[in-house]
N, C-alpha and C. Protein backbone atom coordinates (compact mmCIF):
# COMPACT_ATOMS: atom_id res chain seq x y z
N UNK A 1 97.17 135.90 153.35
CA UNK A 1 95.88 136.02 153.62
C UNK A 1 94.86 135.87 152.43
N UNK A 2 93.49 135.22 152.52
CA UNK A 2 93.06 134.78 151.21
C UNK A 2 91.85 135.64 151.26
N UNK A 3 90.81 135.50 150.32
CA UNK A 3 89.46 135.40 150.29
C UNK A 3 88.86 135.12 149.56
N UNK A 4 87.71 134.93 149.59
CA UNK A 4 86.96 133.90 148.42
C UNK A 4 86.55 134.77 146.86
N UNK A 5 86.46 133.84 146.38
CA UNK A 5 86.37 134.37 144.66
C UNK A 5 85.48 133.22 143.98
N UNK A 6 84.68 133.70 143.07
CA UNK A 6 83.92 132.38 142.82
C UNK A 6 84.63 132.44 141.21
N UNK A 7 84.47 130.82 141.07
CA UNK A 7 84.82 130.83 139.25
C UNK A 7 84.23 129.86 138.83
N UNK A 8 83.74 129.78 137.49
CA UNK A 8 82.98 128.97 136.78
C UNK A 8 84.00 128.26 135.73
N UNK A 9 83.78 126.90 135.71
CA UNK A 9 84.72 126.07 134.63
C UNK A 9 83.79 124.87 134.12
N UNK A 10 84.24 124.44 132.81
CA UNK A 10 83.49 123.56 132.52
C UNK A 10 83.48 122.07 133.17
N UNK A 11 82.60 121.18 133.36
CA UNK A 11 82.66 120.18 134.12
C UNK A 11 83.73 118.92 134.07
N UNK A 12 84.22 119.16 132.86
CA UNK A 12 85.48 118.19 132.72
C UNK A 12 86.93 118.57 132.97
N UNK A 13 86.85 120.01 133.16
CA UNK A 13 88.00 120.81 133.81
C UNK A 13 87.86 120.71 135.09
N UNK A 14 86.57 120.78 136.03
CA UNK A 14 86.51 120.62 137.35
C UNK A 14 86.78 119.34 137.49
N UNK A 15 86.31 118.07 137.29
CA UNK A 15 86.33 117.30 137.42
C UNK A 15 87.98 116.56 137.48
N UNK A 16 88.45 116.91 136.44
CA UNK A 16 90.16 116.76 136.41
C UNK A 16 91.07 117.32 137.42
N UNK A 17 90.62 118.65 137.73
CA UNK A 17 90.71 119.27 138.77
C UNK A 17 91.10 118.59 140.40
N UNK A 18 89.76 117.93 140.42
CA UNK A 18 89.03 117.45 141.70
C UNK A 18 90.17 115.87 141.62
N UNK A 19 90.36 115.00 140.75
CA UNK A 19 90.97 114.33 140.50
C UNK A 19 92.39 114.31 141.17
N UNK A 20 93.07 115.60 140.00
CA UNK A 20 94.46 115.90 140.25
C UNK A 20 94.66 116.08 141.86
N UNK A 21 93.56 117.31 142.35
CA UNK A 21 94.05 117.45 143.67
C UNK A 21 93.89 116.37 144.60
N UNK A 22 93.04 115.36 144.77
CA UNK A 22 93.29 114.27 145.07
C UNK A 22 94.54 113.53 145.06
N UNK A 23 95.18 113.56 143.91
CA UNK A 23 96.29 112.94 143.79
C UNK A 23 97.36 113.34 144.41
N UNK A 24 97.11 114.69 144.41
CA UNK A 24 98.47 115.52 144.99
C UNK A 24 98.18 115.57 146.57
N UNK A 25 96.92 115.09 147.04
CA UNK A 25 96.49 115.47 148.52
C UNK A 25 96.41 116.93 148.89
N UNK A 26 96.11 117.66 148.07
CA UNK A 26 95.59 119.04 148.65
C UNK A 26 94.05 119.32 148.18
N UNK A 27 93.87 120.42 148.56
CA UNK A 27 92.31 120.86 147.99
C UNK A 27 92.66 121.53 147.15
N UNK A 28 90.88 121.18 145.99
CA UNK A 28 91.27 122.02 144.61
C UNK A 28 91.04 123.58 144.74
N UNK A 29 90.91 124.04 145.93
CA UNK A 29 90.92 125.43 145.99
C UNK A 29 92.42 125.65 145.98
N UNK A 30 93.14 125.21 147.01
CA UNK A 30 94.53 125.34 146.94
C UNK A 30 95.42 125.00 145.71
N UNK A 31 94.70 123.66 144.85
CA UNK A 31 95.16 123.53 143.54
C UNK A 31 95.28 124.58 142.28
N UNK A 32 94.03 125.02 142.63
CA UNK A 32 93.64 126.51 141.60
C UNK A 32 94.38 127.50 142.23
N UNK A 33 94.59 128.01 143.34
CA UNK A 33 95.25 128.83 143.71
C UNK A 33 96.84 128.87 143.19
N UNK A 34 97.33 127.62 143.37
CA UNK A 34 99.11 127.26 142.79
C UNK A 34 98.80 127.90 141.54
N UNK A 35 97.88 127.48 140.46
CA UNK A 35 97.91 127.06 138.99
C UNK A 35 97.73 128.91 138.79
N UNK A 36 96.99 129.44 139.63
CA UNK A 36 96.44 130.62 138.84
C UNK A 36 98.01 131.58 139.44
N UNK A 37 98.88 131.27 140.56
CA UNK A 37 99.80 132.31 140.87
C UNK A 37 100.92 131.89 139.89
N UNK A 38 101.29 130.64 139.67
CA UNK A 38 102.42 130.43 138.82
C UNK A 38 101.85 130.82 137.16
N UNK A 39 100.84 130.33 137.12
CA UNK A 39 100.59 130.87 135.33
C UNK A 39 100.70 132.28 135.39
N UNK A 40 100.49 133.05 136.38
CA UNK A 40 100.41 134.66 136.31
C UNK A 40 101.84 135.17 136.09
N UNK A 41 102.51 134.21 136.88
CA UNK A 41 104.03 134.52 136.66
C UNK A 41 104.89 134.10 135.65
N UNK A 42 104.27 133.35 135.04
CA UNK A 42 104.91 132.55 134.09
C UNK A 42 104.57 133.23 132.34
N UNK A 43 103.26 134.05 132.64
CA UNK A 43 102.57 135.19 131.72
C UNK A 43 103.91 136.12 131.73
N UNK A 44 104.29 136.64 133.06
CA UNK A 44 105.04 137.78 133.13
C UNK A 44 106.63 137.38 132.80
N UNK A 45 106.72 136.65 132.81
CA UNK A 45 108.23 135.94 132.67
C UNK A 45 108.17 134.41 131.98
N UNK A 46 108.03 134.60 130.76
CA UNK A 46 107.85 133.25 129.53
C UNK A 46 109.07 132.18 130.08
N UNK A 47 110.35 132.98 130.69
CA UNK A 47 111.64 131.88 130.62
C UNK A 47 111.24 131.28 131.74
N UNK A 48 110.10 131.20 132.65
CA UNK A 48 110.21 130.62 133.95
C UNK A 48 109.17 129.65 134.15
N UNK A 49 109.78 128.42 134.62
CA UNK A 49 108.26 127.28 134.93
C UNK A 49 108.25 127.19 135.87
N UNK A 50 107.41 126.14 136.43
CA UNK A 50 107.89 125.56 138.29
C UNK A 50 107.91 124.20 138.22
N UNK A 51 108.34 124.03 138.86
CA UNK A 51 108.80 122.24 139.26
C UNK A 51 108.72 121.69 140.86
N UNK A 52 107.92 121.00 141.12
CA UNK A 52 107.85 120.18 142.20
C UNK A 52 109.23 119.89 142.74
N UNK A 53 109.95 120.22 143.62
CA UNK A 53 111.32 119.46 144.50
C UNK A 53 110.93 118.92 145.85
N UNK A 54 112.09 118.61 146.37
CA UNK A 54 111.92 117.74 147.71
C UNK A 54 111.40 119.27 148.78
N UNK A 55 111.64 120.42 148.22
CA UNK A 55 111.46 121.60 148.85
C UNK A 55 110.12 122.06 148.84
N UNK A 56 109.41 121.83 147.80
CA UNK A 56 108.52 122.60 147.52
C UNK A 56 108.32 122.94 145.95
N UNK A 57 107.59 123.79 145.56
CA UNK A 57 107.20 124.33 144.31
C UNK A 57 108.71 125.22 143.97
N UNK A 58 109.33 125.19 143.03
CA UNK A 58 110.31 126.65 143.04
C UNK A 58 110.28 126.67 141.65
N UNK A 59 110.67 127.76 141.29
CA UNK A 59 110.66 128.42 139.57
C UNK A 59 111.98 127.99 139.37
N UNK A 60 111.88 127.65 138.06
CA UNK A 60 113.24 126.69 137.18
C UNK A 60 113.09 127.24 136.15
N UNK A 61 114.24 127.20 134.88
CA UNK A 61 114.42 128.01 133.86
C UNK A 61 113.46 126.81 132.72
N UNK A 62 112.72 127.46 131.82
CA UNK A 62 111.80 127.03 131.48
C UNK A 62 112.24 125.71 130.44
N UNK A 63 113.23 126.09 129.79
CA UNK A 63 114.60 125.48 128.57
C UNK A 63 115.65 124.22 129.50
N UNK A 64 115.42 124.86 130.76
CA UNK A 64 116.31 123.78 131.48
C UNK A 64 116.00 123.52 132.80
N UNK A 65 114.84 122.75 133.01
CA UNK A 65 114.05 122.38 134.26
C UNK A 65 114.56 121.68 135.61
N UNK A 66 115.92 121.60 135.38
CA UNK A 66 116.68 120.91 136.35
C UNK A 66 117.55 122.23 136.58
N UNK A 67 117.64 123.35 136.43
CA UNK A 67 118.38 124.60 136.87
C UNK A 67 117.50 125.51 137.51
N UNK A 68 117.17 125.45 138.80
CA UNK A 68 116.66 126.15 139.76
C UNK A 68 116.85 127.63 139.52
N UNK A 69 116.16 128.68 139.60
CA UNK A 69 116.10 130.28 140.01
C UNK A 69 117.22 130.46 141.03
N UNK A 70 117.45 129.72 142.08
CA UNK A 70 118.15 130.15 142.87
C UNK A 70 119.32 129.83 142.81
N UNK A 71 119.71 128.53 142.12
CA UNK A 71 120.87 127.97 141.26
C UNK A 71 121.52 129.36 140.48
N UNK A 72 120.87 130.01 139.82
CA UNK A 72 121.30 131.06 138.57
C UNK A 72 121.46 132.49 139.74
N UNK A 73 120.67 132.63 140.52
CA UNK A 73 120.67 133.48 141.59
C UNK A 73 121.96 133.76 142.05
N UNK A 74 121.81 132.47 142.89
CA UNK A 74 123.36 132.45 143.59
C UNK A 74 124.48 132.32 142.83
N UNK A 75 124.72 132.13 141.72
CA UNK A 75 125.77 132.00 140.79
C UNK A 75 126.00 133.62 140.58
N UNK A 76 124.88 134.05 139.88
CA UNK A 76 124.91 135.65 139.60
C UNK A 76 125.44 136.43 140.81
N UNK A 77 124.94 136.37 141.56
CA UNK A 77 125.44 136.96 143.30
C UNK A 77 126.99 136.88 143.16
N UNK A 78 127.41 135.28 142.89
CA UNK A 78 128.89 135.36 143.60
C UNK A 78 129.59 135.54 142.28
N UNK A 79 129.23 135.84 141.10
CA UNK A 79 129.81 136.11 140.17
C UNK A 79 130.09 137.92 139.81
N UNK A 80 129.67 138.30 141.18
CA UNK A 80 129.15 139.97 141.34
C UNK A 80 128.42 140.65 140.15
N UNK A 81 127.42 140.15 139.90
CA UNK A 81 126.30 140.03 139.03
C UNK A 81 126.80 140.34 137.23
N UNK A 82 128.01 139.53 137.23
CA UNK A 82 128.35 139.33 135.74
C UNK A 82 127.42 138.35 135.25
N UNK A 83 126.46 138.88 134.24
CA UNK A 83 125.41 137.74 133.22
C UNK A 83 126.31 136.94 132.50
N UNK A 84 127.35 137.63 132.15
CA UNK A 84 128.20 136.96 130.91
C UNK A 84 129.03 135.56 131.80
N UNK A 85 129.34 135.86 132.71
CA UNK A 85 129.95 134.67 133.58
C UNK A 85 129.31 133.40 134.16
N UNK A 86 127.74 134.35 134.21
CA UNK A 86 126.78 133.18 135.06
C UNK A 86 126.14 132.79 133.68
N UNK A 87 126.36 133.23 132.81
CA UNK A 87 125.63 132.16 131.23
C UNK A 87 126.81 131.09 131.31
N UNK A 88 127.56 131.28 131.14
CA UNK A 88 128.76 130.75 130.62
C UNK A 88 129.17 129.44 131.78
N UNK A 89 129.11 129.86 132.79
CA UNK A 89 129.18 128.90 133.99
C UNK A 89 128.03 127.52 133.56
N UNK A 90 126.86 127.91 133.44
CA UNK A 90 125.34 127.35 133.23
C UNK A 90 125.42 126.58 131.91
N UNK A 91 126.33 127.65 130.95
CA UNK A 91 125.89 126.90 129.40
C UNK A 91 124.89 127.51 128.96
N UNK A 92 124.14 128.60 129.39
CA UNK A 92 123.09 129.02 128.85
C UNK A 92 122.91 130.63 128.54
N UNK A 93 122.34 130.95 127.93
CA UNK A 93 122.22 132.45 126.66
C UNK A 93 122.41 133.54 128.05
N UNK A 94 122.92 134.50 127.66
CA UNK A 94 122.64 135.66 128.47
C UNK A 94 121.61 136.28 128.86
N UNK A 95 120.49 136.26 127.67
CA UNK A 95 119.26 136.51 127.54
C UNK A 95 118.48 135.59 128.80
N UNK A 96 118.69 134.23 128.71
CA UNK A 96 118.26 133.56 129.96
C UNK A 96 118.37 133.78 131.53
N UNK A 97 119.87 134.40 131.46
CA UNK A 97 120.27 134.65 132.63
C UNK A 97 119.14 136.25 132.88
N UNK A 98 119.44 137.14 131.84
CA UNK A 98 119.04 138.62 132.19
C UNK A 98 117.04 138.09 132.77
N UNK A 99 116.64 137.40 131.78
CA UNK A 99 115.24 136.83 132.29
C UNK A 99 114.89 136.34 133.73
N UNK A 100 116.06 135.61 134.19
CA UNK A 100 115.93 135.34 135.58
C UNK A 100 116.49 136.24 136.34
N UNK A 101 117.13 137.27 136.04
CA UNK A 101 117.28 138.17 137.09
C UNK A 101 115.97 139.28 136.98
N UNK A 102 115.36 139.52 135.88
CA UNK A 102 114.12 140.14 135.99
C UNK A 102 113.27 139.43 137.02
N UNK A 103 113.20 138.08 136.99
CA UNK A 103 112.27 137.61 137.79
C UNK A 103 112.43 137.36 138.97
N UNK A 104 113.87 137.95 139.31
CA UNK A 104 114.18 137.63 140.56
C UNK A 104 113.96 139.25 141.39
N UNK A 105 114.24 140.21 140.39
CA UNK A 105 114.14 141.59 140.67
C UNK A 105 111.98 141.83 141.01
N UNK A 106 111.25 140.88 140.60
CA UNK A 106 109.92 140.97 140.89
C UNK A 106 109.82 140.30 142.49
N UNK A 107 110.52 139.13 142.33
CA UNK A 107 110.05 138.21 143.77
C UNK A 107 111.60 137.99 144.27
N UNK A 108 112.15 139.14 144.85
CA UNK A 108 113.45 139.03 145.44
C UNK A 108 112.97 138.73 147.10
N UNK A 109 112.33 139.30 147.53
CA UNK A 109 112.29 138.84 149.44
C UNK A 109 111.84 137.13 149.13
N UNK A 110 111.02 136.76 148.02
CA UNK A 110 110.80 135.09 148.18
C UNK A 110 111.99 134.47 147.82
N UNK A 111 112.60 134.87 146.49
CA UNK A 111 113.83 133.73 146.18
C UNK A 111 114.77 134.44 147.51
N UNK A 112 115.18 135.32 147.81
CA UNK A 112 116.52 135.12 148.65
C UNK A 112 115.89 134.28 150.11
N UNK A 113 114.92 134.57 150.34
CA UNK A 113 114.58 133.30 151.42
C UNK A 113 114.58 131.93 151.15
N UNK A 114 114.33 131.52 149.68
CA UNK A 114 114.65 130.24 149.07
C UNK A 114 115.75 129.88 149.25
N UNK A 115 116.72 131.19 148.76
CA UNK A 115 118.17 131.00 148.61
C UNK A 115 118.79 130.78 149.75
N UNK A 116 118.40 131.60 151.07
CA UNK A 116 118.78 131.34 151.87
C UNK A 116 118.99 130.13 153.00
N UNK A 117 117.47 129.48 152.51
CA UNK A 117 117.29 128.20 153.11
C UNK A 117 118.26 126.84 152.67
N UNK A 118 118.37 127.21 150.89
CA UNK A 118 119.37 126.26 150.06
C UNK A 118 120.75 126.70 151.01
N UNK A 119 121.46 127.96 151.14
CA UNK A 119 122.53 127.99 151.38
C UNK A 119 122.85 127.45 153.23
N UNK A 120 121.90 127.45 154.06
CA UNK A 120 121.83 127.14 155.23
C UNK A 120 121.86 125.58 155.10
N UNK A 121 121.03 124.72 154.47
CA UNK A 121 120.95 123.16 154.22
C UNK A 121 122.77 123.02 153.63
N UNK A 122 123.01 123.52 152.87
CA UNK A 122 124.31 123.11 152.34
C UNK A 122 125.54 123.33 153.43
N UNK A 123 125.36 124.22 154.30
CA UNK A 123 126.49 124.70 155.53
C UNK A 123 126.26 123.44 156.26
N UNK A 124 124.86 123.09 156.33
CA UNK A 124 124.51 122.18 157.53
C UNK A 124 125.01 120.65 157.15
N UNK A 125 125.09 120.37 155.88
CA UNK A 125 125.41 119.06 155.31
C UNK A 125 127.01 119.01 155.50
N UNK A 126 127.41 120.28 155.28
CA UNK A 126 129.09 120.28 155.24
C UNK A 126 129.54 119.97 156.79
N UNK A 127 128.76 120.53 157.70
CA UNK A 127 128.86 120.38 159.08
C UNK A 127 129.07 118.67 159.43
N UNK A 128 128.03 118.44 158.90
CA UNK A 128 127.84 116.59 159.52
C UNK A 128 128.86 115.88 158.59
N UNK A 129 129.17 116.19 157.55
CA UNK A 129 130.49 115.89 156.69
C UNK A 129 131.69 115.56 157.72
N UNK A 130 131.92 116.80 157.99
CA UNK A 130 133.52 117.24 158.78
C UNK A 130 132.92 116.52 160.04
N UNK A 131 131.93 116.62 160.77
CA UNK A 131 132.06 115.78 162.02
C UNK A 131 132.33 114.44 161.79
N UNK A 132 131.46 113.76 160.82
CA UNK A 132 131.37 112.36 160.13
C UNK A 132 133.25 112.27 160.12
N UNK A 133 133.53 112.75 159.47
CA UNK A 133 135.11 112.65 158.74
C UNK A 133 136.03 112.66 160.20
N UNK A 134 135.94 113.62 161.24
CA UNK A 134 136.48 113.77 162.15
C UNK A 134 136.29 112.38 163.25
N UNK A 135 135.31 112.05 163.31
CA UNK A 135 134.79 110.74 164.30
C UNK A 135 135.67 109.53 163.40
N UNK A 136 135.68 109.66 161.98
CA UNK A 136 136.32 108.50 161.36
C UNK A 136 137.83 108.42 161.75
N UNK A 137 138.54 109.54 161.57
CA UNK A 137 139.84 109.83 161.65
C UNK A 137 140.14 109.08 163.32
N UNK A 138 139.37 109.53 164.14
CA UNK A 138 139.86 109.49 165.36
C UNK A 138 139.71 107.88 165.65
N UNK A 139 138.67 107.51 165.03
CA UNK A 139 138.43 105.69 165.29
C UNK A 139 139.78 105.51 164.89
N UNK A 140 139.95 105.90 163.49
CA UNK A 140 141.49 105.10 162.86
C UNK A 140 142.71 105.65 163.70
N UNK A 141 142.80 106.62 164.09
CA UNK A 141 143.94 106.58 165.26
C UNK A 141 143.90 106.11 166.13
N UNK A 142 142.59 105.58 167.00
CA UNK A 142 142.81 104.80 168.05
C UNK A 142 143.49 103.11 167.55
N UNK A 143 143.31 102.93 166.11
CA UNK A 143 143.54 101.66 166.03
C UNK A 143 145.24 101.46 165.74
C-alpha cells in the first residue's frame, strides 16, 4: 500500500532524479521510494548496501558488494548458525556476519522469500543439467 507524501527538494536534485528515473525506466516517485527505503535500512545497518542484480535490488555486504545477504544467511543456516564458520567460509569478519544476521532478524520474511527463490532456481538448474546429461548419455549409448 502506498500513500501520498509531499516532498520539497532543490531544483538540481529534482532534475538529477528525473534524469536518473528516465534512464532506469521507473517513475521518479518509485525511485524516491526505493532510495528512502534503502537509505533507512542502511542507516540502521551500516554494513549493508544495495545492488541491482538480475533478480532486482538485493542487500549486499557493503565491504564486499558481490556478496549478497542471502548467500551469507544461507551459509550461516547451513553451518548451524555458526558465526565463526560462516566468517571463515567467506573470509569476512565475524562482526560482518553478526551484522548481516542482525539485518536478517529485521527483514526475515523478505530475505527468506529471496533465499527460497534462489534455492528453487538452483534446484531447477540442477534438474536441467541432469536432464541434459541423461539425454547426452542416451545419445552416446545409441552410437
